[in-house]
N, C-alpha and C. Protein backbone atom coordinates (compact mmCIF):
# COMPACT_ATOMS: atom_id res chain seq x y z
N MET A 1 0.84 -1.17 0.00
CA MET A 1 0.00 0.00 0.00
C MET A 1 0.89 1.24 0.00
N LYS A 2 0.61 2.17 -0.88
CA LYS A 2 1.39 3.39 -0.96
C LYS A 2 0.88 4.41 0.05
N GLY A 3 1.81 5.22 0.53
CA GLY A 3 1.44 6.27 1.48
C GLY A 3 0.68 7.38 0.78
N LYS A 4 -0.15 8.04 1.52
CA LYS A 4 -0.92 9.15 0.99
C LYS A 4 -0.02 10.36 0.77
N ILE A 5 -0.08 10.94 -0.39
CA ILE A 5 0.75 12.11 -0.71
C ILE A 5 0.03 13.35 -0.20
N LYS A 6 0.73 14.12 0.63
CA LYS A 6 0.15 15.34 1.20
C LYS A 6 0.51 16.54 0.34
N PHE A 7 -0.38 17.51 0.31
CA PHE A 7 -0.11 18.77 -0.36
C PHE A 7 0.83 19.59 0.52
N PRO A 8 1.89 20.16 -0.05
CA PRO A 8 2.87 20.90 0.76
C PRO A 8 2.36 22.28 1.17
N ILE A 9 1.53 22.30 2.21
CA ILE A 9 0.91 23.54 2.65
C ILE A 9 1.96 24.53 3.16
N LEU A 10 2.88 24.05 3.97
CA LEU A 10 3.89 24.96 4.53
C LEU A 10 4.75 25.56 3.43
N ALA A 11 5.15 24.75 2.48
CA ALA A 11 5.97 25.26 1.38
C ALA A 11 5.21 26.33 0.60
N THR A 12 3.93 26.14 0.41
CA THR A 12 3.12 27.12 -0.30
C THR A 12 3.02 28.43 0.48
N ILE A 13 2.81 28.32 1.78
CA ILE A 13 2.73 29.53 2.62
C ILE A 13 4.06 30.27 2.61
N LEU A 14 5.15 29.54 2.76
CA LEU A 14 6.47 30.18 2.73
C LEU A 14 6.76 30.83 1.39
N LEU A 15 6.34 30.18 0.31
CA LEU A 15 6.54 30.74 -1.02
C LEU A 15 5.77 32.04 -1.19
N ILE A 16 4.54 32.08 -0.72
CA ILE A 16 3.73 33.30 -0.82
C ILE A 16 4.37 34.43 -0.03
N PHE A 17 4.78 34.14 1.23
CA PHE A 17 5.45 35.17 2.02
C PHE A 17 6.74 35.64 1.36
N ALA A 18 7.50 34.72 0.80
CA ALA A 18 8.77 35.08 0.15
C ALA A 18 8.54 35.96 -1.07
N VAL A 19 7.51 35.66 -1.85
CA VAL A 19 7.21 36.48 -3.03
C VAL A 19 6.81 37.90 -2.61
N PHE A 20 5.94 38.00 -1.59
CA PHE A 20 5.56 39.33 -1.10
C PHE A 20 6.75 40.09 -0.55
N TRP A 21 7.62 39.38 0.16
CA TRP A 21 8.80 40.02 0.72
C TRP A 21 9.73 40.51 -0.39
N LEU A 22 9.94 39.68 -1.41
CA LEU A 22 10.79 40.07 -2.54
C LEU A 22 10.22 41.28 -3.27
N LEU A 23 8.92 41.26 -3.55
CA LEU A 23 8.31 42.39 -4.23
C LEU A 23 8.40 43.66 -3.40
N ASN A 24 8.32 43.52 -2.08
CA ASN A 24 8.47 44.68 -1.21
C ASN A 24 9.90 45.21 -1.25
N GLU A 25 10.88 44.31 -1.23
CA GLU A 25 12.28 44.73 -1.27
C GLU A 25 12.64 45.39 -2.61
N LEU A 26 12.03 44.93 -3.69
CA LEU A 26 12.27 45.52 -5.01
C LEU A 26 11.42 46.76 -5.25
N GLU A 27 10.60 47.11 -4.27
CA GLU A 27 9.70 48.27 -4.31
C GLU A 27 8.72 48.20 -5.47
N VAL A 28 8.36 46.99 -5.86
CA VAL A 28 7.31 46.80 -6.85
C VAL A 28 5.96 46.88 -6.16
N LEU A 29 5.90 46.31 -4.98
CA LEU A 29 4.69 46.31 -4.17
C LEU A 29 5.09 46.88 -2.81
N ILE A 30 4.49 47.99 -2.43
CA ILE A 30 4.88 48.64 -1.19
C ILE A 30 4.00 48.12 -0.05
N LEU A 31 4.62 47.35 0.83
CA LEU A 31 3.93 46.83 2.02
C LEU A 31 4.70 47.29 3.24
N ASN A 32 3.99 47.83 4.19
CA ASN A 32 4.65 48.24 5.43
C ASN A 32 4.37 47.18 6.49
N ILE A 33 4.97 46.00 6.30
CA ILE A 33 4.77 44.88 7.21
C ILE A 33 6.14 44.45 7.73
N PRO A 34 6.57 44.99 8.86
CA PRO A 34 7.91 44.64 9.36
C PRO A 34 7.96 43.28 10.04
N TRP A 35 6.82 42.60 10.18
CA TRP A 35 6.79 41.35 10.94
C TRP A 35 6.79 40.11 10.07
N ILE A 36 7.05 40.23 8.77
CA ILE A 36 7.09 39.05 7.90
C ILE A 36 8.14 38.04 8.36
N PRO A 37 9.36 38.45 8.72
CA PRO A 37 10.33 37.45 9.20
C PRO A 37 9.86 36.74 10.48
N ILE A 38 9.18 37.47 11.35
CA ILE A 38 8.67 36.85 12.58
C ILE A 38 7.63 35.80 12.26
N VAL A 39 6.76 36.07 11.30
CA VAL A 39 5.74 35.10 10.89
C VAL A 39 6.41 33.85 10.31
N LEU A 40 7.43 34.04 9.51
CA LEU A 40 8.15 32.89 8.94
C LEU A 40 8.81 32.04 10.03
N ILE A 41 9.35 32.70 11.04
CA ILE A 41 9.98 31.97 12.15
C ILE A 41 8.93 31.18 12.92
N ILE A 42 7.78 31.78 13.19
CA ILE A 42 6.71 31.10 13.93
C ILE A 42 6.20 29.90 13.15
N ILE A 43 6.01 30.06 11.85
CA ILE A 43 5.55 28.94 11.02
C ILE A 43 6.58 27.82 11.03
N SER A 44 7.84 28.16 10.93
CA SER A 44 8.90 27.14 10.94
C SER A 44 8.97 26.40 12.27
N ILE A 45 8.85 27.12 13.37
CA ILE A 45 8.86 26.48 14.68
C ILE A 45 7.66 25.55 14.83
N GLY A 46 6.50 25.99 14.36
CA GLY A 46 5.31 25.15 14.40
C GLY A 46 5.49 23.88 13.60
N LEU A 47 6.13 23.99 12.44
CA LEU A 47 6.38 22.80 11.61
C LEU A 47 7.32 21.83 12.32
N ILE A 48 8.36 22.35 12.95
CA ILE A 48 9.32 21.50 13.66
C ILE A 48 8.64 20.77 14.81
N PHE A 49 7.86 21.50 15.63
CA PHE A 49 7.17 20.86 16.74
C PHE A 49 6.15 19.84 16.25
N ASN A 50 5.45 20.15 15.17
CA ASN A 50 4.45 19.24 14.62
C ASN A 50 5.11 17.96 14.11
N ARG A 51 6.23 18.08 13.45
CA ARG A 51 6.92 16.91 12.92
C ARG A 51 7.42 16.00 14.04
N PHE A 52 8.01 16.59 15.08
CA PHE A 52 8.57 15.76 16.15
C PHE A 52 7.51 15.26 17.12
N SER A 53 6.37 15.93 17.21
CA SER A 53 5.33 15.45 18.12
C SER A 53 4.62 14.23 17.56
N LYS A 54 4.65 14.01 16.24
CA LYS A 54 4.03 12.84 15.64
C LYS A 54 4.84 11.57 15.92
N ASN A 55 6.12 11.70 16.19
CA ASN A 55 6.97 10.54 16.44
C ASN A 55 6.80 9.97 17.84
N TYR A 56 6.22 10.74 18.75
CA TYR A 56 6.12 10.27 20.15
C TYR A 56 4.70 10.00 20.52
């Protein structure tokens, strides 16, 4: 039996944040959101805890 393939939700969220961040840095899209790196860190920490909590 093959394992169920999951949709990469985290990768999609990170990609969206990265695109908005890049467009902001290139001044194509002006966003005054200084907390984008903090959101990325929180999402990453959540992913790490979620991955390791499934093993126990």
